[in-house]
Amino acid sequence: MNEQQRYLTPAEAADALRVSTDTVLRLVSSGDLPALRVSPRVIRIPVPAFEAFAAGRTPPRRQVVTRRRATEPSLGSKERLEEPVTR
């Protein structure tokens, strides 16, 4: 690992731990190894979290926050949506 490297790929983490990439992905999906999902196919593991895991320390689990996009427009206190006209 470089001094300036901030994230590892699952393949790099697998090489450092001497396990398969599938094992690292299993650890990530179970929550034992913290990771960031950059896109649906790209996963990055923060170096401090990896070092803590490799040293045998269990990093604290964080609650996953899912933010949902508002599906309805926000309205003021006296505003309301007009009902659609059906014929």
Protein backbone atom coordinates (compact mmCIF):
# COMPACT_ATOMS: atom_id res chain seq x y z
CA MET A 1 0.00 0.00 0.00
CA ASN A 2 1.19 3.48 -0.82
CA GLU A 3 1.39 6.20 1.79
CA GLN A 4 -1.09 8.32 -0.17
CA GLN A 5 -3.51 5.55 -1.06
CA ARG A 6 -6.85 6.18 0.65
CA TYR A 7 -8.95 3.31 -0.69
CA LEU A 8 -8.37 -0.29 -1.72
CA THR A 9 -10.15 -2.31 -4.32
CA PRO A 10 -11.52 -5.69 -3.21
CA ALA A 11 -8.74 -7.38 -5.25
CA GLU A 12 -6.03 -5.36 -3.45
CA ALA A 13 -7.56 -6.17 -0.06
CA ALA A 14 -7.74 -9.86 -1.01
CA ASP A 15 -4.05 -9.87 -1.96
CA ALA A 16 -3.08 -8.23 1.33
CA LEU A 17 -5.19 -10.69 3.36
CA ARG A 18 -4.19 -13.65 1.16
CA VAL A 19 -7.76 -14.67 0.51
CA SER A 20 -9.93 -14.67 -2.59
CA THR A 21 -11.77 -11.62 -3.87
CA ASP A 22 -15.06 -13.43 -3.24
CA THR A 23 -14.14 -13.74 0.44
CA VAL A 24 -13.52 -9.99 0.67
CA LEU A 25 -16.83 -9.28 -1.04
CA ARG A 26 -18.55 -11.63 1.42
CA LEU A 27 -16.94 -9.74 4.34
CA VAL A 28 -18.15 -6.46 2.86
CA SER A 29 -21.71 -7.69 2.32
CA SER A 30 -21.90 -9.10 5.85
CA GLY A 31 -20.73 -5.77 7.28
CA ASP A 32 -17.58 -7.17 8.89
CA LEU A 33 -15.35 -5.10 6.57
CA PRO A 34 -16.60 -1.53 6.04
CA ALA A 35 -16.66 -0.38 2.44
CA LEU A 36 -18.13 2.25 0.18
CA ARG A 37 -20.25 1.38 -2.81
CA VAL A 38 -19.28 3.99 -5.40
CA SER A 39 -21.62 2.61 -8.04
CA PRO A 40 -23.58 -0.62 -8.42
CA ARG A 41 -20.42 -2.43 -9.56
CA VAL A 42 -17.60 -0.48 -7.85
CA ILE A 43 -16.65 -1.03 -4.21
CA ARG A 44 -13.83 0.72 -2.36
CA ILE A 45 -12.47 -0.12 1.09
CA PRO A 46 -11.04 2.74 3.19
CA VAL A 47 -7.44 2.03 4.21
CA PRO A 48 -7.98 2.82 7.96
CA ALA A 49 -10.93 0.40 8.10
CA PHE A 50 -8.91 -2.26 6.29
CA GLU A 51 -5.94 -1.83 8.64
CA ALA A 52 -8.23 -2.13 11.67
CA PHE A 53 -9.79 -5.29 10.24
CA ALA A 54 -6.39 -6.81 9.39
CA ALA A 55 -5.13 -6.07 12.92
CA GLY A 56 -8.09 -7.96 14.37
CA ARG A 57 -9.95 -4.93 15.64
CA THR A 58 -13.60 -4.74 14.80
CA PRO A 59 -14.52 -1.31 13.48
CA PRO A 60 -17.76 0.06 14.92
CA ARG A 61 -20.78 -0.65 12.77
CA ARG A 62 -22.57 2.37 11.48
CA GLN A 63 -26.20 2.58 10.64
CA VAL A 64 -26.86 2.74 6.94
CA VAL A 65 -28.76 5.86 6.01
CA THR A 66 -30.94 5.73 2.94
CA ARG A 67 -32.25 9.00 1.72
CA ARG A 68 -35.31 8.90 -0.41
CA ARG A 69 -36.14 11.46 -2.97
CA ALA A 70 -39.37 13.32 -2.35
CA THR A 71 -41.97 12.00 -4.75
CA GLU A 72 -44.50 14.70 -4.05
CA PRO A 73 -43.89 18.42 -4.31
CA SER A 74 -43.58 20.24 -1.02
CA LEU A 75 -46.47 22.59 -0.41
CA GLY A 76 -46.92 25.62 1.80
CA SER A 77 -49.28 25.65 4.76
CA LYS A 78 -52.35 26.82 2.82
CA GLU A 79 -51.57 25.24 -0.54
CA ARG A 80 -53.05 22.03 -1.83
CA LEU A 81 -52.84 19.95 -4.96
CA GLU A 82 -55.62 20.34 -7.43
CA GLU A 83 -57.55 17.19 -8.09
CA PRO A 84 -57.26 15.93 -11.68
CA VAL A 85 -60.38 16.36 -13.80
CA THR A 86 -61.82 13.03 -14.91
CA ARG A 87 -64.55 12.79 -17.52
